Amino acid sequence: KIVMDSAGDLQEFDRIPFACAPLKILAGDQEFVDDRNCDIAGMVSYLRSYKGKASTACPSVGEYLDAFGDAENVYCITITSGLSGSYNTACVAKAMYESEHAGRRVFVIDSLSAGPEQTLIVEKLEELIADPDTSDDGERETLEQHKVIAESLLETIEAAAEAAKTENTVKVKDVTAENVTP
């Protein structure tokens, strides 16, 4: 199963089990949850007229656990840890999930990015999971197989950064095993 926070702007992905953990915007007594039910026009209207302090919140541990569901293997892609606590929260959820479900694995991936790049990672993961050369009956059962996926993801992230011609290219090249929490 693939799980991603809503910074990736992907609420549904029909080709493989997928869930989205929502980010939130908090302003006054309003909480806007970034999911398919969010009234974008209403939120924008409210925020334009709101004069107080606004903040954001990453998905909670409980929201990540709900998103993991009952999957045997979960790949969780988060917005860059440099902008949000989403990666750290996903790591806490991973530890809880694995301790409560013996033999199940969660791999948390710090995308070092946001938006379209996260969607590219999801698409690459879907491709790798479906590839018979990197799967064992559709499931990843060894850490070596997960490392192959992580290396392929690194290539995808590097390609996205190069295509965008951003300063993030240098940062992306620093992706190592520390960015993927097995």
N, C-alpha and C. Protein backbone atom coordinates (compact mmCIF):
# COMPACT_ATOMS: atom_id res chain seq x y z
N LYS A 1 0.85 -1.18 0.00
CA LYS A 1 0.00 0.00 0.00
C LYS A 1 0.90 1.24 0.00
N ILE A 2 0.44 2.26 -0.69
CA ILE A 2 1.15 3.53 -0.70
C ILE A 2 0.33 4.55 0.07
N VAL A 3 1.00 5.26 0.96
CA VAL A 3 0.37 6.33 1.74
C VAL A 3 1.18 7.59 1.49
N MET A 4 0.47 8.70 1.32
CA MET A 4 1.15 9.98 1.10
C MET A 4 0.39 11.06 1.86
N ASP A 5 1.12 12.06 2.37
CA ASP A 5 0.40 13.19 2.96
C ASP A 5 -0.16 14.04 1.82
N SER A 6 -1.09 14.91 2.14
CA SER A 6 -1.82 15.64 1.10
C SER A 6 -1.00 16.74 0.43
N ALA A 7 0.23 16.95 0.85
CA ALA A 7 1.08 17.93 0.16
C ALA A 7 1.33 17.51 -1.29
N GLY A 8 1.17 16.23 -1.57
CA GLY A 8 1.39 15.72 -2.91
C GLY A 8 0.23 15.95 -3.85
N ASP A 9 -0.86 16.47 -3.35
CA ASP A 9 -2.01 16.81 -4.19
C ASP A 9 -2.60 15.61 -4.92
N LEU A 10 -2.54 14.46 -4.31
CA LEU A 10 -3.10 13.24 -4.90
C LEU A 10 -4.01 12.62 -3.85
N GLN A 11 -5.30 12.67 -4.08
CA GLN A 11 -6.27 12.14 -3.11
C GLN A 11 -6.63 10.69 -3.40
N GLU A 12 -6.54 10.29 -4.66
CA GLU A 12 -6.88 8.94 -5.07
C GLU A 12 -5.84 8.42 -6.05
N PHE A 13 -5.66 7.12 -6.03
CA PHE A 13 -4.76 6.46 -6.98
C PHE A 13 -5.31 5.06 -7.17
N ASP A 14 -5.96 4.82 -8.28
CA ASP A 14 -6.74 3.61 -8.47
C ASP A 14 -5.95 2.35 -8.78
N ARG A 15 -4.70 2.48 -9.18
CA ARG A 15 -3.97 1.32 -9.68
C ARG A 15 -3.37 0.44 -8.59
N ILE A 16 -3.38 0.91 -7.35
CA ILE A 16 -2.78 0.16 -6.24
C ILE A 16 -3.42 0.66 -4.95
N PRO A 17 -3.47 -0.15 -3.90
CA PRO A 17 -4.02 0.38 -2.64
C PRO A 17 -3.29 1.66 -2.24
N PHE A 18 -4.06 2.70 -1.95
CA PHE A 18 -3.51 4.03 -1.70
C PHE A 18 -4.38 4.75 -0.67
N ALA A 19 -3.72 5.55 0.16
CA ALA A 19 -4.44 6.40 1.10
C ALA A 19 -3.69 7.71 1.25
N CYS A 20 -4.43 8.76 1.56
CA CYS A 20 -3.86 10.08 1.74
C CYS A 20 -4.12 10.55 3.16
N ALA A 21 -3.07 10.99 3.85
CA ALA A 21 -3.19 11.54 5.21
C ALA A 21 -3.20 13.07 5.08
N PRO A 22 -4.25 13.73 5.57
CA PRO A 22 -4.41 15.16 5.28
C PRO A 22 -3.60 16.10 6.16
N LEU A 23 -3.06 17.13 5.51
CA LEU A 23 -2.51 18.29 6.21
C LEU A 23 -3.69 19.20 6.55
N LYS A 24 -3.46 20.18 7.42
CA LYS A 24 -4.53 21.07 7.84
C LYS A 24 -4.05 22.51 7.89
N ILE A 25 -5.00 23.44 7.71
CA ILE A 25 -4.76 24.87 7.92
C ILE A 25 -5.68 25.30 9.05
N LEU A 26 -5.10 25.95 10.05
CA LEU A 26 -5.84 26.40 11.22
C LEU A 26 -5.83 27.93 11.24
N ALA A 27 -7.03 28.51 11.32
CA ALA A 27 -7.15 29.97 11.36
C ALA A 27 -8.34 30.31 12.24
N GLY A 28 -8.06 30.99 13.35
CA GLY A 28 -9.15 31.32 14.27
C GLY A 28 -9.80 30.05 14.77
N ASP A 29 -11.13 29.99 14.67
CA ASP A 29 -11.84 28.80 15.11
C ASP A 29 -12.11 27.83 13.96
N GLN A 30 -11.46 28.05 12.83
CA GLN A 30 -11.66 27.22 11.64
C GLN A 30 -10.48 26.26 11.44
N GLU A 31 -10.82 25.05 11.06
CA GLU A 31 -9.81 24.07 10.67
C GLU A 31 -10.19 23.58 9.28
N PHE A 32 -9.28 23.76 8.34
CA PHE A 32 -9.51 23.32 6.98
C PHE A 32 -8.65 22.08 6.75
N VAL A 33 -9.31 20.95 6.52
CA VAL A 33 -8.64 19.68 6.33
C VAL A 33 -8.45 19.46 4.83
N ASP A 34 -7.21 19.22 4.43
CA ASP A 34 -6.86 19.06 3.02
C ASP A 34 -7.22 17.65 2.55
N ASP A 35 -8.51 17.46 2.30
CA ASP A 35 -8.98 16.19 1.76
C ASP A 35 -9.97 16.47 0.65
N ARG A 36 -10.57 15.44 0.10
CA ARG A 36 -11.47 15.66 -1.05
C ARG A 36 -12.74 16.40 -0.67
N ASN A 37 -13.02 16.57 0.62
CA ASN A 37 -14.21 17.29 1.07
C ASN A 37 -13.93 18.77 1.35
N CYS A 38 -12.70 19.20 1.19
CA CYS A 38 -12.34 20.58 1.51
C CYS A 38 -13.01 21.56 0.55
N ASP A 39 -13.67 22.56 1.12
CA ASP A 39 -14.29 23.62 0.33
C ASP A 39 -13.21 24.67 0.06
N ILE A 40 -12.52 24.53 -1.05
CA ILE A 40 -11.40 25.40 -1.38
C ILE A 40 -11.85 26.86 -1.49
N ALA A 41 -12.93 27.10 -2.19
CA ALA A 41 -13.42 28.48 -2.36
C ALA A 41 -13.77 29.09 -1.02
N GLY A 42 -14.43 28.33 -0.16
CA GLY A 42 -14.78 28.81 1.17
C GLY A 42 -13.55 29.09 2.02
N MET A 43 -12.56 28.21 1.92
CA MET A 43 -11.32 28.38 2.67
C MET A 43 -10.60 29.65 2.22
N VAL A 44 -10.45 29.81 0.92
CA VAL A 44 -9.76 30.99 0.39
C VAL A 44 -10.49 32.26 0.80
N SER A 45 -11.79 32.26 0.70
CA SER A 45 -12.59 33.43 1.10
C SER A 45 -12.38 33.76 2.57
N TYR A 46 -12.43 32.73 3.41
CA TYR A 46 -12.24 32.94 4.85
C TYR A 46 -10.84 33.48 5.14
N LEU A 47 -9.83 32.86 4.54
CA LEU A 47 -8.44 33.27 4.81
C LEU A 47 -8.14 34.68 4.31
N ARG A 48 -8.77 35.08 3.22
CA ARG A 48 -8.57 36.45 2.72
C ARG A 48 -9.11 37.49 3.70
N SER A 49 -10.20 37.15 4.37
CA SER A 49 -10.82 38.12 5.30
C SER A 49 -10.30 37.97 6.73
N TYR A 50 -9.66 36.85 7.04
CA TYR A 50 -9.18 36.60 8.40
C TYR A 50 -7.93 37.43 8.67
N LYS A 51 -7.91 38.14 9.78
CA LYS A 51 -6.78 39.03 10.11
C LYS A 51 -5.87 38.48 11.20
N GLY A 52 -6.23 37.35 11.76
CA GLY A 52 -5.42 36.78 12.84
C GLY A 52 -4.32 35.87 12.33
N LYS A 53 -3.73 35.16 13.27
CA LYS A 53 -2.65 34.24 12.95
C LYS A 53 -3.21 32.93 12.41
N ALA A 54 -2.60 32.43 11.36
CA ALA A 54 -2.96 31.13 10.80
C ALA A 54 -1.75 30.20 10.93
N SER A 55 -2.02 28.91 10.98
CA SER A 55 -0.94 27.93 11.07
C SER A 55 -1.34 26.68 10.30
N THR A 56 -0.39 25.81 10.17
CA THR A 56 -0.66 24.53 9.51
C THR A 56 -0.36 23.40 10.48
N ALA A 57 -0.90 22.24 10.19
CA ALA A 57 -0.64 21.05 11.01
C ALA A 57 -0.46 19.85 10.09
N CYS A 58 0.50 19.02 10.44
CA CYS A 58 0.73 17.80 9.67
C CYS A 58 -0.29 16.74 10.10
N PRO A 59 -0.40 15.66 9.34
CA PRO A 59 -1.29 14.58 9.76
C PRO A 59 -0.87 14.05 11.13
N SER A 60 -1.84 13.63 11.91
CA SER A 60 -1.54 13.08 13.23
C SER A 60 -1.08 11.63 13.10
N VAL A 61 -0.52 11.11 14.18
CA VAL A 61 -0.13 9.69 14.21
C VAL A 61 -1.35 8.83 13.92
N GLY A 62 -2.48 9.16 14.54
CA GLY A 62 -3.71 8.39 14.32
C GLY A 62 -4.16 8.42 12.87
N GLU A 63 -4.01 9.55 12.21
CA GLU A 63 -4.39 9.64 10.79
C GLU A 63 -3.47 8.78 9.92
N TYR A 64 -2.19 8.76 10.27
CA TYR A 64 -1.29 7.86 9.54
C TYR A 64 -1.65 6.41 9.80
N LEU A 65 -1.92 6.05 11.04
CA LEU A 65 -2.29 4.67 11.35
C LEU A 65 -3.55 4.26 10.60
N ASP A 66 -4.53 5.15 10.54
CA ASP A 66 -5.75 4.87 9.78
C ASP A 66 -5.41 4.66 8.31
N ALA A 67 -4.51 5.49 7.78
CA ALA A 67 -4.13 5.37 6.37
C ALA A 67 -3.39 4.06 6.10
N PHE A 68 -2.57 3.60 7.04
CA PHE A 68 -1.86 2.34 6.86
C PHE A 68 -2.84 1.17 6.77
N GLY A 69 -3.98 1.29 7.47
CA GLY A 69 -5.00 0.25 7.43
C GLY A 69 -4.47 -1.07 7.93
N ASP A 70 -4.68 -2.12 7.15
CA ASP A 70 -4.21 -3.46 7.55
C ASP A 70 -3.20 -4.01 6.55
N ALA A 71 -2.47 -3.12 5.89
CA ALA A 71 -1.51 -3.52 4.86
C ALA A 71 -0.32 -4.26 5.46
N GLU A 72 0.20 -5.20 4.69
CA GLU A 72 1.40 -5.93 5.09
C GLU A 72 2.64 -5.06 4.95
N ASN A 73 2.72 -4.35 3.82
CA ASN A 73 3.84 -3.46 3.53
C ASN A 73 3.28 -2.11 3.12
N VAL A 74 3.82 -1.05 3.74
CA VAL A 74 3.36 0.30 3.45
C VAL A 74 4.57 1.14 3.05
N TYR A 75 4.41 1.89 1.96
CA TYR A 75 5.39 2.89 1.56
C TYR A 75 4.73 4.23 1.82
N CYS A 76 5.30 5.00 2.72
CA CYS A 76 4.71 6.27 3.13
C CYS A 76 5.61 7.41 2.68
N ILE A 77 5.08 8.26 1.79
CA ILE A 77 5.85 9.38 1.24
C ILE A 77 5.36 10.66 1.90
N THR A 78 6.30 11.44 2.44
CA THR A 78 5.92 12.68 3.12
C THR A 78 6.54 13.90 2.44
N ILE A 79 5.91 15.03 2.69
CA ILE A 79 6.48 16.31 2.29
C ILE A 79 7.85 16.43 2.95
N THR A 80 8.73 17.22 2.39
CA THR A 80 10.07 17.36 2.94
C THR A 80 10.05 17.66 4.44
N SER A 81 10.91 16.99 5.15
CA SER A 81 10.99 17.19 6.60
C SER A 81 11.48 18.58 6.95
N GLY A 82 12.03 19.28 5.97
CA GLY A 82 12.48 20.66 6.20
C GLY A 82 11.34 21.65 6.31
N LEU A 83 10.14 21.27 5.87
CA LEU A 83 8.99 22.17 5.91
C LEU A 83 7.90 21.74 6.88
N SER A 84 7.92 20.49 7.29
CA SER A 84 6.79 19.97 8.05
C SER A 84 7.25 18.88 9.01
N GLY A 85 6.43 18.62 10.01
CA GLY A 85 6.65 17.52 10.94
C GLY A 85 6.07 16.22 10.43
N SER A 86 5.55 16.21 9.20
CA SER A 86 4.87 15.04 8.65
C SER A 86 5.78 13.80 8.65
N TYR A 87 7.03 13.97 8.26
CA TYR A 87 7.96 12.83 8.24
C TYR A 87 8.14 12.25 9.64
N ASN A 88 8.37 13.12 10.63
CA ASN A 88 8.57 12.63 11.99
C ASN A 88 7.32 11.94 12.53
N THR A 89 6.15 12.50 12.24
CA THR A 89 4.90 11.89 12.69
C THR A 89 4.70 10.54 12.03
N ALA A 90 5.01 10.44 10.75
CA ALA A 90 4.90 9.17 10.04
C ALA A 90 5.85 8.13 10.64
N CYS A 91 7.04 8.56 11.07
CA CYS A 91 8.00 7.64 11.70
C CYS A 91 7.46 7.12 13.04
N VAL A 92 6.79 7.97 13.80
CA VAL A 92 6.17 7.54 15.06
C VAL A 92 5.06 6.54 14.75
N ALA A 93 4.24 6.84 13.74
CA ALA A 93 3.16 5.92 13.36
C ALA A 93 3.74 4.58 12.88
N LYS A 94 4.83 4.63 12.15
CA LYS A 94 5.51 3.42 11.68
C LYS A 94 5.90 2.54 12.86
N ALA A 95 6.53 3.14 13.86
CA ALA A 95 6.98 2.37 15.03
C ALA A 95 5.79 1.74 15.75
N MET A 96 4.72 2.50 15.91
CA MET A 96 3.52 1.96 16.57
C MET A 96 2.91 0.83 15.74
N TYR A 97 2.79 1.04 14.45
CA TYR A 97 2.17 0.06 13.56
C TYR A 97 2.94 -1.25 13.58
N GLU A 98 4.26 -1.15 13.44
CA GLU A 98 5.07 -2.36 13.42
C GLU A 98 5.08 -3.07 14.76
N SER A 99 5.00 -2.33 15.87
CA SER A 99 4.98 -2.99 17.18
C SER A 99 3.63 -3.66 17.44
N GLU A 100 2.57 -3.14 16.86
CA GLU A 100 1.24 -3.72 17.04
C GLU A 100 0.92 -4.80 16.02
N HIS A 101 1.67 -4.88 14.93
CA HIS A 101 1.41 -5.83 13.85
C HIS A 101 2.71 -6.54 13.48
N ALA A 102 3.01 -7.60 14.19
CA ALA A 102 4.25 -8.34 13.96
C ALA A 102 4.36 -8.79 12.50
N GLY A 103 5.53 -8.57 11.93
CA GLY A 103 5.80 -8.99 10.57
C GLY A 103 5.42 -7.99 9.49
N ARG A 104 4.69 -6.97 9.85
CA ARG A 104 4.33 -5.95 8.87
C ARG A 104 5.39 -4.86 8.86
N ARG A 105 5.58 -4.24 7.68
CA ARG A 105 6.64 -3.25 7.54
C ARG A 105 6.08 -1.95 6.97
N VAL A 106 6.63 -0.85 7.47
CA VAL A 106 6.33 0.48 6.93
C VAL A 106 7.66 1.12 6.57
N PHE A 107 7.75 1.66 5.37
CA PHE A 107 8.92 2.36 4.91
C PHE A 107 8.55 3.82 4.71
N VAL A 108 9.10 4.70 5.53
CA VAL A 108 8.79 6.12 5.47
C VAL A 108 9.85 6.80 4.62
N ILE A 109 9.39 7.55 3.63
CA ILE A 109 10.29 8.19 2.66
C ILE A 109 10.13 9.70 2.75
N ASP A 110 11.18 10.39 3.14
CA ASP A 110 11.19 11.85 3.13
C ASP A 110 11.43 12.26 1.68
N SER A 111 10.41 12.84 1.04
CA SER A 111 10.52 13.16 -0.39
C SER A 111 11.51 14.29 -0.67
N LEU A 112 11.88 15.04 0.37
CA LEU A 112 12.73 16.21 0.19
C LEU A 112 12.09 17.20 -0.78
N SER A 113 10.76 17.11 -0.90
CA SER A 113 10.05 17.93 -1.87
C SER A 113 8.60 18.05 -1.46
N ALA A 114 7.79 18.57 -2.37
CA ALA A 114 6.35 18.67 -2.17
C ALA A 114 5.67 18.70 -3.53
N GLY A 115 4.38 18.53 -3.53
CA GLY A 115 3.59 18.68 -4.74
C GLY A 115 3.85 17.63 -5.78
N PRO A 116 4.08 18.05 -7.02
CA PRO A 116 4.18 17.11 -8.14
C PRO A 116 5.29 16.07 -7.97
N GLU A 117 6.37 16.43 -7.31
CA GLU A 117 7.46 15.48 -7.12
C GLU A 117 7.00 14.29 -6.27
N GLN A 118 6.15 14.53 -5.28
CA GLN A 118 5.62 13.44 -4.48
C GLN A 118 4.77 12.51 -5.34
N THR A 119 3.99 13.08 -6.23
CA THR A 119 3.16 12.29 -7.12
C THR A 119 4.04 11.43 -8.04
N LEU A 120 5.16 11.97 -8.52
CA LEU A 120 6.09 11.19 -9.33
C LEU A 120 6.63 10.00 -8.54
N ILE A 121 6.91 10.20 -7.27
CA ILE A 121 7.40 9.10 -6.43
C ILE A 121 6.33 8.02 -6.32
N VAL A 122 5.08 8.41 -6.09
CA VAL A 122 3.98 7.44 -6.00
C VAL A 122 3.88 6.65 -7.30
N GLU A 123 3.94 7.33 -8.43
CA GLU A 123 3.84 6.65 -9.72
C GLU A 123 5.01 5.68 -9.93
N LYS A 124 6.21 6.08 -9.52
CA LYS A 124 7.37 5.18 -9.64
C LYS A 124 7.22 3.98 -8.71
N LEU A 125 6.75 4.20 -7.50
CA LEU A 125 6.52 3.09 -6.58
C LEU A 125 5.52 2.10 -7.15
N GLU A 126 4.44 2.62 -7.71
CA GLU A 126 3.42 1.75 -8.31
C GLU A 126 4.04 0.90 -9.41
N GLU A 127 4.87 1.52 -10.22
CA GLU A 127 5.55 0.81 -11.30
C GLU A 127 6.46 -0.29 -10.75
N LEU A 128 7.21 0.02 -9.71
CA LEU A 128 8.14 -0.95 -9.13
C LEU A 128 7.41 -2.10 -8.44
N ILE A 129 6.32 -1.79 -7.77
CA ILE A 129 5.55 -2.84 -7.09
C ILE A 129 4.94 -3.79 -8.11
N ALA A 130 4.52 -3.26 -9.26
CA ALA A 130 3.91 -4.08 -10.30
C ALA A 130 4.94 -4.86 -11.12
N ASP A 131 6.22 -4.49 -11.05
CA ASP A 131 7.27 -5.11 -11.85
C ASP A 131 7.63 -6.47 -11.28
N PRO A 132 7.47 -7.54 -12.06
CA PRO A 132 7.78 -8.87 -11.54
C PRO A 132 9.25 -9.08 -11.20
N ASP A 133 10.13 -8.23 -11.77
CA ASP A 133 11.56 -8.35 -11.45
C ASP A 133 11.90 -7.80 -10.08
N THR A 134 11.02 -6.99 -9.49
CA THR A 134 11.31 -6.44 -8.17
C THR A 134 10.25 -6.84 -7.15
N SER A 135 9.39 -7.78 -7.50
CA SER A 135 8.36 -8.19 -6.55
C SER A 135 8.35 -9.69 -6.39
N ASP A 136 7.80 -10.11 -5.30
CA ASP A 136 7.61 -11.52 -5.01
C ASP A 136 6.11 -11.70 -4.81
N ASP A 137 5.43 -12.09 -5.88
CA ASP A 137 3.97 -12.18 -5.87
C ASP A 137 3.33 -10.87 -5.44
N GLY A 138 3.91 -9.76 -5.88
CA GLY A 138 3.32 -8.45 -5.60
C GLY A 138 3.70 -7.89 -4.25
N GLU A 139 4.42 -8.60 -3.42
CA GLU A 139 4.76 -8.10 -2.09
C GLU A 139 6.28 -8.02 -1.93
N ARG A 140 6.74 -7.04 -1.18
CA ARG A 140 8.17 -6.93 -0.86
C ARG A 140 8.39 -7.68 0.45
N GLU A 141 9.22 -8.73 0.38
CA GLU A 141 9.41 -9.52 1.59
C GLU A 141 10.81 -9.43 2.17
N THR A 142 11.72 -8.76 1.47
CA THR A 142 13.07 -8.65 2.03
C THR A 142 13.53 -7.21 1.98
N LEU A 143 14.41 -6.87 2.88
CA LEU A 143 14.96 -5.53 2.91
C LEU A 143 15.71 -5.22 1.63
N GLU A 144 16.37 -6.20 1.02
CA GLU A 144 17.09 -5.96 -0.23
C GLU A 144 16.14 -5.48 -1.32
N GLN A 145 14.95 -6.06 -1.39
CA GLN A 145 13.98 -5.61 -2.39
C GLN A 145 13.58 -4.17 -2.12
N HIS A 146 13.44 -3.81 -0.85
CA HIS A 146 13.08 -2.43 -0.49
C HIS A 146 14.21 -1.48 -0.86
N LYS A 147 15.46 -1.92 -0.73
CA LYS A 147 16.59 -1.07 -1.10
C LYS A 147 16.59 -0.80 -2.61
N VAL A 148 16.23 -1.80 -3.41
CA VAL A 148 16.13 -1.61 -4.85
C VAL A 148 15.10 -0.53 -5.15
N ILE A 149 13.98 -0.58 -4.46
CA ILE A 149 12.94 0.42 -4.66
C ILE A 149 13.45 1.80 -4.24
N ALA A 150 14.14 1.88 -3.10
CA ALA A 150 14.66 3.17 -2.64
C ALA A 150 15.65 3.75 -3.64
N GLU A 151 16.52 2.90 -4.20
CA GLU A 151 17.48 3.39 -5.19
C GLU A 151 16.77 3.90 -6.44
N SER A 152 15.74 3.21 -6.86
CA SER A 152 14.98 3.66 -8.03
C SER A 152 14.26 4.97 -7.74
N LEU A 153 13.77 5.11 -6.52
CA LEU A 153 13.12 6.36 -6.13
C LEU A 153 14.10 7.51 -6.16
N LEU A 154 15.32 7.27 -5.71
CA LEU A 154 16.34 8.31 -5.74
C LEU A 154 16.54 8.79 -7.18
N GLU A 155 16.62 7.86 -8.11
CA GLU A 155 16.77 8.25 -9.52
C GLU A 155 15.58 9.10 -9.97
N THR A 156 14.37 8.75 -9.53
CA THR A 156 13.18 9.49 -9.91
C THR A 156 13.21 10.90 -9.31
N ILE A 157 13.61 11.00 -8.05
CA ILE A 157 13.68 12.31 -7.39
C ILE A 157 14.73 13.18 -8.07
N GLU A 158 15.89 12.59 -8.38
CA GLU A 158 16.94 13.35 -9.07
C GLU A 158 16.45 13.83 -10.42
N ALA A 159 15.76 12.98 -11.16
CA ALA A 159 15.25 13.36 -12.48
C ALA A 159 14.23 14.49 -12.36
N ALA A 160 13.36 14.42 -11.35
CA ALA A 160 12.36 15.47 -11.16
C ALA A 160 13.03 16.80 -10.83
N ALA A 161 14.04 16.76 -9.99
CA ALA A 161 14.75 17.99 -9.62
C ALA A 161 15.48 18.56 -10.83
N GLU A 162 16.07 17.69 -11.61
CA GLU A 162 16.79 18.15 -12.81
C GLU A 162 15.82 18.77 -13.81
N ALA A 163 14.67 18.12 -13.97
CA ALA A 163 13.67 18.63 -14.92
C ALA A 163 13.14 19.99 -14.47
N ALA A 164 13.01 20.16 -13.16
CA ALA A 164 12.52 21.43 -12.64
C ALA A 164 13.61 22.50 -12.63
N LYS A 165 14.86 22.06 -12.78
CA LYS A 165 16.02 22.97 -12.78
C LYS A 165 16.00 23.89 -11.57
N THR A 166 15.83 23.26 -10.39
CA THR A 166 15.79 24.02 -9.16
C THR A 166 17.09 23.86 -8.40
N GLU A 167 17.25 24.67 -7.38
CA GLU A 167 18.41 24.56 -6.51
C GLU A 167 18.36 23.27 -5.69
N ASN A 168 17.21 22.61 -5.66
CA ASN A 168 17.07 21.39 -4.88
C ASN A 168 17.87 20.23 -5.45
N THR A 169 18.39 20.38 -6.66
CA THR A 169 19.15 19.30 -7.27
C THR A 169 20.32 18.89 -6.37
N VAL A 170 21.02 19.84 -5.80
CA VAL A 170 22.15 19.52 -4.93
C VAL A 170 21.65 18.79 -3.70
N LYS A 171 20.57 19.26 -3.10
CA LYS A 171 20.02 18.60 -1.91
C LYS A 171 19.54 17.20 -2.23
N VAL A 172 18.92 17.01 -3.38
CA VAL A 172 18.40 15.70 -3.76
C VAL A 172 19.52 14.69 -3.87
N LYS A 173 20.68 15.11 -4.34
CA LYS A 173 21.79 14.19 -4.48
C LYS A 173 22.32 13.71 -3.14
N ASP A 174 21.90 14.35 -2.05
CA ASP A 174 22.28 13.92 -0.72
C ASP A 174 21.35 12.85 -0.17
N VAL A 175 20.37 12.40 -0.96
CA VAL A 175 19.45 11.36 -0.51
C VAL A 175 20.24 10.09 -0.27
N THR A 176 20.07 9.54 0.89
CA THR A 176 20.75 8.30 1.24
C THR A 176 19.76 7.42 1.99
N ALA A 177 20.25 6.36 2.55
CA ALA A 177 19.39 5.47 3.32
C ALA A 177 18.74 6.19 4.50
N GLU A 178 19.33 7.29 4.96
CA GLU A 178 18.74 8.03 6.07
C GLU A 178 17.39 8.65 5.70
N ASN A 179 17.15 8.88 4.41
CA ASN A 179 15.90 9.46 3.96
C ASN A 179 14.79 8.42 3.83
N VAL A 180 15.16 7.16 3.81
CA VAL A 180 14.19 6.09 3.76
C VAL A 180 14.32 5.32 5.06
N THR A 181 13.28 5.34 5.86
CA THR A 181 13.33 4.66 7.15
C THR A 181 12.74 3.26 7.00
N PRO A 182 13.58 2.22 6.97
CA PRO A 182 13.06 0.87 6.80
C PRO A 182 12.46 0.35 8.09
